[in-house]
PDB file of N, CA and C in Angstrom:
ATOM      1  N   MET A   1     -13.574-145.755 107.130  1.00  0.00           N
ATOM      2  CA  MET A   1     -14.975-146.058 107.329  1.00  0.00           C
ATOM      3  C   MET A   1     -15.802-144.791 107.141  1.00  0.00           C
ATOM      4  N   ALA A   2     -16.733-144.829 106.226  1.00  0.00           N
ATOM      5  CA  ALA A   2     -17.560-143.670 105.909  1.00  0.00           C
ATOM      6  C   ALA A   2     -18.746-143.576 106.866  1.00  0.00           C
ATOM      7  N   ILE A   3     -19.140-142.361 107.154  1.00  0.00           N
ATOM      8  CA  ILE A   3     -20.303-142.123 108.007  1.00  0.00           C
ATOM      9  C   ILE A   3     -21.543-142.098 107.123  1.00  0.00           C
ATOM     10  N   ASP A   4     -22.553-142.852 107.513  1.00  0.00           N
ATOM     11  CA  ASP A   4     -23.825-142.872 106.791  1.00  0.00           C
ATOM     12  C   ASP A   4     -24.768-141.882 107.463  1.00  0.00           C
ATOM     13  N   PHE A   5     -24.997-140.738 106.836  1.00  0.00           N
ATOM     14  CA  PHE A   5     -25.826-139.693 107.407  1.00  0.00           C
ATOM     15  C   PHE A   5     -27.292-140.075 107.466  1.00  0.00           C
ATOM     16  N   ASP A   6     -27.683-141.138 106.771  1.00  0.00           N
ATOM     17  CA  ASP A   6     -29.075-141.572 106.763  1.00  0.00           C
ATOM     18  C   ASP A   6     -29.348-142.741 107.709  1.00  0.00           C
ATOM     19  N   GLN A   7     -28.319-143.226 108.399  1.00  0.00           N
ATOM     20  CA  GLN A   7     -28.483-144.351 109.322  1.00  0.00           C
ATOM     21  C   GLN A   7     -29.198-143.870 110.586  1.00  0.00           C
ATOM     22  N   PRO A   8     -30.382-144.394 110.881  1.00  0.00           N
ATOM     23  CA  PRO A   8     -31.118-143.958 112.080  1.00  0.00           C
ATOM     24  C   PRO A   8     -30.523-144.567 113.352  1.00  0.00           C
ATOM     25  N   ILE A   9     -29.710-143.793 114.044  1.00  0.00           N
ATOM     26  CA  ILE A   9     -28.990-144.325 115.205  1.00  0.00           C
ATOM     27  C   ILE A   9     -29.290-143.605 116.514  1.00  0.00           C
ATOM     28  N   PHE A  10     -29.817-142.394 116.467  1.00  0.00           N
ATOM     29  CA  PHE A  10     -30.005-141.608 117.683  1.00  0.00           C
ATOM     30  C   PHE A  10     -31.415-141.767 118.243  1.00  0.00           C
ATOM     31  N   VAL A  11     -31.508-142.075 119.538  1.00  0.00           N
ATOM     32  CA  VAL A  11     -32.812-142.058 120.197  1.00  0.00           C
ATOM     33  C   VAL A  11     -33.217-140.598 120.376  1.00  0.00           C
ATOM     34  N   ILE A  12     -34.467-140.369 120.704  1.00  0.00           N
ATOM     35  CA  ILE A  12     -34.996-139.003 120.732  1.00  0.00           C
ATOM     36  C   ILE A  12     -34.242-138.097 121.709  1.00  0.00           C
ATOM     37  N   SER A  13     -33.839-138.622 122.867  1.00  0.00           N
ATOM     38  CA  SER A  13     -33.140-137.776 123.841  1.00  0.00           C
ATOM     39  C   SER A  13     -31.784-137.316 123.319  1.00  0.00           C
ATOM     40  N   VAL A  14     -31.079-138.184 122.612  1.00  0.00           N
ATOM     41  CA  VAL A  14     -29.774-137.828 122.059  1.00  0.00           C
ATOM     42  C   VAL A  14     -29.950-136.856 120.892  1.00  0.00           C
ATOM     43  N   ALA A  15     -30.911-137.136 120.017  1.00  0.00           N
ATOM     44  CA  ALA A  15     -31.165-136.235 118.884  1.00  0.00           C
ATOM     45  C   ALA A  15     -31.559-134.848 119.383  1.00  0.00           C
ATOM     46  N   ALA A  16     -32.385-134.799 120.422  1.00  0.00           N
ATOM     47  CA  ALA A  16     -32.796-133.509 120.983  1.00  0.00           C
ATOM     48  C   ALA A  16     -31.595-132.749 121.536  1.00  0.00           C
ATOM     49  N   GLU A  17     -30.715-133.451 122.210  1.00  0.00           N
ATOM     50  CA  GLU A  17     -29.520-132.807 122.752  1.00  0.00           C
ATOM     51  C   GLU A  17     -28.619-132.300 121.628  1.00  0.00           C
ATOM     52  N   LEU A  18     -28.440-133.111 120.592  1.00  0.00           N
ATOM     53  CA  LEU A  18     -27.593-132.701 119.467  1.00  0.00           C
ATOM     54  C   LEU A  18     -28.169-131.489 118.729  1.00  0.00           C
ATOM     55  N   ALA A  19     -29.501-131.401 118.680  1.00  0.00           N
ATOM     56  CA  ALA A  19     -30.156-130.299 117.982  1.00  0.00           C
ATOM     57  C   ALA A  19     -30.442-129.121 118.919  1.00  0.00           C
ATOM     58  N   ASP A  20     -30.085-129.276 120.203  1.00  0.00           N
ATOM     59  CA  ASP A  20     -30.320-128.246 121.218  1.00  0.00           C
ATOM     60  C   ASP A  20     -31.808-127.905 121.327  1.00  0.00           C
ATOM     61  N   MET A  21     -32.617-128.967 121.448  1.00  0.00           N
ATOM     62  CA  MET A  21     -34.068-128.833 121.572  1.00  0.00           C
ATOM     63  C   MET A  21     -34.561-129.751 122.686  1.00  0.00           C
ATOM     64  N   HIS A  22     -35.797-129.579 123.061  1.00  0.00           N
ATOM     65  CA  HIS A  22     -36.441-130.452 124.035  1.00  0.00           C
ATOM     66  C   HIS A  22     -37.038-131.642 123.280  1.00  0.00           C
ATOM     67  N   PRO A  23     -36.980-132.844 123.845  1.00  0.00           N
ATOM     68  CA  PRO A  23     -37.557-134.008 123.159  1.00  0.00           C
ATOM     69  C   PRO A  23     -39.022-133.817 122.751  1.00  0.00           C
ATOM     70  N   GLN A  24     -39.789-133.084 123.568  1.00  0.00           N
ATOM     71  CA  GLN A  24     -41.196-132.852 123.220  1.00  0.00           C
ATOM     72  C   GLN A  24     -41.321-132.047 121.922  1.00  0.00           C
ATOM     73  N   THR A  25     -40.370-131.167 121.669  1.00  0.00           N
ATOM     74  CA  THR A  25     -40.366-130.397 120.426  1.00  0.00           C
ATOM     75  C   THR A  25     -40.174-131.331 119.232  1.00  0.00           C
ATOM     76  N   LEU A  26     -39.300-132.315 119.370  1.00  0.00           N
ATOM     77  CA  LEU A  26     -39.086-133.284 118.294  1.00  0.00           C
ATOM     78  C   LEU A  26     -40.350-134.096 118.041  1.00  0.00           C
ATOM     79  N   ARG A  27     -41.046-134.453 119.110  1.00  0.00           N
ATOM     80  CA  ARG A  27     -42.310-135.194 118.952  1.00  0.00           C
ATOM     81  C   ARG A  27     -43.336-134.344 118.198  1.00  0.00           C
ATOM     82  N   GLN A  28     -43.393-133.056 118.534  1.00  0.00           N
ATOM     83  CA  GLN A  28     -44.321-132.155 117.856  1.00  0.00           C
ATOM     84  C   GLN A  28     -43.976-132.045 116.367  1.00  0.00           C
ATOM     85  N   TYR A  29     -42.708-131.887 116.057  1.00  0.00           N
ATOM     86  CA  TYR A  29     -42.298-131.791 114.659  1.00  0.00           C
ATOM     87  C   TYR A  29     -42.618-133.074 113.898  1.00  0.00           C
ATOM     88  N   ASP A  30     -42.506-134.212 114.567  1.00  0.00           N
ATOM     89  CA  ASP A  30     -42.866-135.490 113.946  1.00  0.00           C
ATOM     90  C   ASP A  30     -44.368-135.522 113.669  1.00  0.00           C
ATOM     91  N   ARG A  31     -45.180-135.129 114.651  1.00  0.00           N
ATOM     92  CA  ARG A  31     -46.633-135.111 114.467  1.00  0.00           C
ATOM     93  C   ARG A  31     -47.048-134.188 113.323  1.00  0.00           C
ATOM     94  N   LEU A  32     -46.344-133.052 113.196  1.00  0.00           N
ATOM     95  CA  LEU A  32     -46.669-132.081 112.149  1.00  0.00           C
ATOM     96  C   LEU A  32     -46.093-132.466 110.786  1.00  0.00           C
ATOM     97  N   GLY A  33     -45.228-133.480 110.757  1.00  0.00           N
ATOM     98  CA  GLY A  33     -44.639-133.909 109.498  1.00  0.00           C
ATOM     99  C   GLY A  33     -43.463-133.060 109.045  1.00  0.00           C
ATOM    100  N   ILE A  34     -42.892-132.283 109.944  1.00  0.00           N
ATOM    101  CA  ILE A  34     -41.744-131.443 109.590  1.00  0.00           C
ATOM    102  C   ILE A  34     -40.487-132.302 109.480  1.00  0.00           C
ATOM    103  N   VAL A  35     -40.287-133.189 110.446  1.00  0.00           N
ATOM    104  CA  VAL A  35     -39.182-134.153 110.427  1.00  0.00           C
ATOM    105  C   VAL A  35     -39.797-135.517 110.717  1.00  0.00           C
ATOM    106  N   SER A  36     -39.474-136.502 109.896  1.00  0.00           N
ATOM    107  CA  SER A  36     -40.049-137.838 110.061  1.00  0.00           C
ATOM    108  C   SER A  36     -38.939-138.855 110.326  1.00  0.00           C
ATOM    109  N   PRO A  37     -38.677-139.128 111.598  1.00  0.00           N
ATOM    110  CA  PRO A  37     -37.631-140.102 111.923  1.00  0.00           C
ATOM    111  C   PRO A  37     -38.073-141.529 111.597  1.00  0.00           C
ATOM    112  N   SER A  38     -37.120-142.418 111.537  1.00  0.00           N
ATOM    113  CA  SER A  38     -37.420-143.837 111.354  1.00  0.00           C
ATOM    114  C   SER A  38     -37.998-144.382 112.646  1.00  0.00           C
ATOM    115  N   ARG A  39     -38.585-145.554 112.555  1.00  0.00           N
ATOM    116  CA  ARG A  39     -39.130-146.205 113.744  1.00  0.00           C
ATOM    117  C   ARG A  39     -38.422-147.528 113.969  1.00  0.00           C
ATOM    118  N   ALA A  40     -37.991-147.730 115.192  1.00  0.00           N
ATOM    119  CA  ALA A  40     -37.355-148.994 115.584  1.00  0.00           C
ATOM    120  C   ALA A  40     -38.464-149.959 116.007  1.00  0.00           C
ATOM    121  N   PRO A  41     -38.142-151.237 116.125  1.00  0.00           N
ATOM    122  CA  PRO A  41     -39.137-152.176 116.664  1.00  0.00           C
ATOM    123  C   PRO A  41     -39.634-151.663 118.016  1.00  0.00           C
ATOM    124  N   GLY A  42     -40.924-151.683 118.211  1.00  0.00           N
ATOM    125  CA  GLY A  42     -41.487-151.111 119.427  1.00  0.00           C
ATOM    126  C   GLY A  42     -41.957-149.685 119.205  1.00  0.00           C
ATOM    127  N   LYS A  43     -41.807-149.192 117.981  1.00  0.00           N
ATOM    128  CA  LYS A  43     -42.291-147.870 117.559  1.00  0.00           C
ATOM    129  C   LYS A  43     -41.493-146.681 118.082  1.00  0.00           C
ATOM    130  N   SER A  44     -40.341-146.904 118.724  1.00  0.00           N
ATOM    131  CA  SER A  44     -39.559-145.766 119.200  1.00  0.00           C
ATOM    132  C   SER A  44     -38.877-145.071 118.026  1.00  0.00           C
ATOM    133  N   ARG A  45     -38.755-143.762 118.141  1.00  0.00           N
ATOM    134  CA  ARG A  45     -38.158-142.964 117.068  1.00  0.00           C
ATOM    135  C   ARG A  45     -36.640-143.145 117.055  1.00  0.00           C
ATOM    136  N   ARG A  46     -36.088-143.161 115.851  1.00  0.00           N
ATOM    137  CA  ARG A  46     -34.634-143.191 115.668  1.00  0.00           C
ATOM    138  C   ARG A  46     -34.283-142.117 114.636  1.00  0.00           C
ATOM    139  N   TYR A  47     -33.381-141.236 115.016  1.00  0.00           N
ATOM    140  CA  TYR A  47     -33.001-140.106 114.169  1.00  0.00           C
ATOM    141  C   TYR A  47     -31.633-140.339 113.544  1.00  0.00           C
ATOM    142  N   SER A  48     -31.485-139.925 112.311  1.00  0.00           N
ATOM    143  CA  SER A  48     -30.205-139.987 111.615  1.00  0.00           C
ATOM    144  C   SER A  48     -29.492-138.640 111.764  1.00  0.00           C
ATOM    145  N   GLN A  49     -28.244-138.599 111.352  1.00  0.00           N
ATOM    146  CA  GLN A  49     -27.518-137.319 111.368  1.00  0.00           C
ATOM    147  C   GLN A  49     -28.199-136.327 110.425  1.00  0.00           C
ATOM    148  N   ARG A  50     -28.746-136.811 109.337  1.00  0.00           N
ATOM    149  CA  ARG A  50     -29.476-135.933 108.404  1.00  0.00           C
ATOM    150  C   ARG A  50     -30.704-135.324 109.098  1.00  0.00           C
ATOM    151  N   ASP A  51     -31.415-136.134 109.900  1.00  0.00           N
ATOM    152  CA  ASP A  51     -32.559-135.620 110.660  1.00  0.00           C
ATOM    153  C   ASP A  51     -32.116-134.538 111.644  1.00  0.00           C
ATOM    154  N   VAL A  52     -31.010-134.780 112.341  1.00  0.00           N
ATOM    155  CA  VAL A  52     -30.496-133.802 113.302  1.00  0.00           C
ATOM    156  C   VAL A  52     -30.129-132.504 112.579  1.00  0.00           C
ATOM    157  N   ASN A  53     -29.501-132.612 111.423  1.00  0.00           N
ATOM    158  CA  ASN A  53     -29.157-131.414 110.646  1.00  0.00           C
ATOM    159  C   ASN A  53     -30.427-130.655 110.241  1.00  0.00           C
ATOM    160  N   MET A  54     -31.469-131.394 109.873  1.00  0.00           N
ATOM    161  CA  MET A  54     -32.728-130.756 109.487  1.00  0.00           C
ATOM    162  C   MET A  54     -33.367-130.077 110.705  1.00  0.00           C
ATOM    163  N   LEU A  55     -33.283-130.705 111.867  1.00  0.00           N
ATOM    164  CA  LEU A  55     -33.811-130.091 113.089  1.00  0.00           C
ATOM    165  C   LEU A  55     -33.093-128.780 113.393  1.00  0.00           C
ATOM    166  N   ARG A  56     -31.806-128.744 113.172  1.00  0.00           N
ATOM    167  CA  ARG A  56     -31.046-127.503 113.377  1.00  0.00           C
ATOM    168  C   ARG A  56     -31.513-126.417 112.406  1.00  0.00           C
ATOM    169  N   GLU A  57     -31.811-126.817 111.171  1.00  0.00           N
ATOM    170  CA  GLU A  57     -32.311-125.860 110.175  1.00  0.00           C
ATOM    171  C   GLU A  57     -33.704-125.368 110.575  1.00  0.00           C
ATOM    172  N   VAL A  58     -34.547-126.258 111.070  1.00  0.00           N
ATOM    173  CA  VAL A  58     -35.873-125.863 111.548  1.00  0.00           C
ATOM    174  C   VAL A  58     -35.730-124.839 112.673  1.00  0.00           C
ATOM    175  N   GLN A  59     -34.819-125.105 113.591  1.00  0.00           N
ATOM    176  CA  GLN A  59     -34.593-124.184 114.697  1.00  0.00           C
ATOM    177  C   GLN A  59     -34.107-122.821 114.193  1.00  0.00           C
ATOM    178  N   ARG A  60     -33.212-122.830 113.237  1.00  0.00           N
ATOM    179  CA  ARG A  60     -32.693-121.572 112.683  1.00  0.00           C
ATOM    180  C   ARG A  60     -33.815-120.761 112.045  1.00  0.00           C
ATOM    181  N   LEU A  61     -34.639-121.429 111.235  1.00  0.00           N
ATOM    182  CA  LEU A  61     -35.752-120.742 110.573  1.00  0.00           C
ATOM    183  C   LEU A  61     -36.756-120.219 111.591  1.00  0.00           C
ATOM    184  N   SER A  62     -37.015-121.013 112.619  1.00  0.00           N
ATOM    185  CA  SER A  62     -37.950-120.604 113.660  1.00  0.00           C
ATOM    186  C   SER A  62     -37.434-119.366 114.390  1.00  0.00           C
ATOM    187  N   GLN A  63     -36.142-119.328 114.677  1.00  0.00           N
ATOM    188  CA  GLN A  63     -35.554-118.171 115.355  1.00  0.00           C
ATOM    189  C   GLN A  63     -35.593-116.921 114.484  1.00  0.00           C
ATOM    190  N   GLU A  64     -35.657-117.129 113.168  1.00  0.00           N
ATOM    191  CA  GLU A  64     -35.761-115.992 112.249  1.00  0.00           C
ATOM    192  C   GLU A  64     -37.202-115.528 112.069  1.00  0.00           C
ATOM    193  N   GLY A  65     -38.137-116.201 112.754  1.00  0.00           N
ATOM    194  CA  GLY A  65     -39.528-115.764 112.726  1.00  0.00           C
ATOM    195  C   GLY A  65     -40.419-116.504 111.744  1.00  0.00           C
ATOM    196  N   VAL A  66     -39.923-117.549 111.114  1.00  0.00           N
ATOM    197  CA  VAL A  66     -40.739-118.308 110.175  1.00  0.00           C
ATOM    198  C   VAL A  66     -41.664-119.223 110.972  1.00  0.00           C
ATOM    199  N   SER A  67     -42.943-119.254 110.609  1.00  0.00           N
ATOM    200  CA  SER A  67     -43.911-120.101 111.305  1.00  0.00           C
ATOM    201  C   SER A  67     -43.650-121.569 110.990  1.00  0.00           C
ATOM    202  N   LEU A  68     -44.218-122.457 111.805  1.00  0.00           N
ATOM    203  CA  LEU A  68     -44.040-123.888 111.558  1.00  0.00           C
ATOM    204  C   LEU A  68     -44.627-124.291 110.215  1.00  0.00           C
ATOM    205  N   GLU A  69     -45.752-123.703 109.846  1.00  0.00           N
ATOM    206  CA  GLU A  69     -46.333-124.005 108.527  1.00  0.00           C
ATOM    207  C   GLU A  69     -45.399-123.524 107.424  1.00  0.00           C
ATOM    208  N   GLY A  70     -44.799-122.361 107.618  1.00  0.00           N
ATOM    209  CA  GLY A  70     -43.842-121.850 106.642  1.00  0.00           C
ATOM    210  C   GLY A  70     -42.620-122.735 106.542  1.00  0.00           C
ATOM    211  N   ILE A  71     -42.135-123.198 107.680  1.00  0.00           N
ATOM    212  CA  ILE A  71     -40.975-124.097 107.692  1.00  0.00           C
ATOM    213  C   ILE A  71     -41.304-125.383 106.944  1.00  0.00           C
ATOM    214  N   LYS A  72     -42.494-125.920 107.195  1.00  0.00           N
ATOM    215  CA  LYS A  72     -42.912-127.148 106.523  1.00  0.00           C
ATOM    216  C   LYS A  72     -42.911-126.966 105.002  1.00  0.00           C
ATOM    217  N   ARG A  73     -43.379-125.822 104.555  1.00  0.00           N
ATOM    218  CA  ARG A  73     -43.406-125.555 103.115  1.00  0.00           C
ATOM    219  C   ARG A  73     -42.006-125.365 102.539  1.00  0.00           C
ATOM    220  N   ILE A  74     -41.138-124.720 103.302  1.00  0.00           N
ATOM    221  CA  ILE A  74     -39.770-124.488 102.844  1.00  0.00           C
ATOM    222  C   ILE A  74     -39.019-125.809 102.698  1.00  0.00           C
ATOM    223  N   LEU A  75     -39.191-126.682 103.693  1.00  0.00           N
ATOM    224  CA  LEU A  75     -38.479-127.950 103.672  1.00  0.00           C
ATOM    225  C   LEU A  75     -39.123-128.912 102.702  1.00  0.00           C
TER     226      LEU A  75
END
């Protein structure tokens, strides 16, 4: 059975834990358009493994001193 990295399966709390971030940070990145998770019925965010990997990359770039606007342009 193959893993679908684009399947939106993680709720925001799980995605935040996997990316080692606070859920509010994920909400901010969504508002800024840095990471755009899928929406489940009821408008709740659902993150895929690809989204979590991108969040980790955002965190890495941020720790290296790249601004959020710079990260948005890079991605």
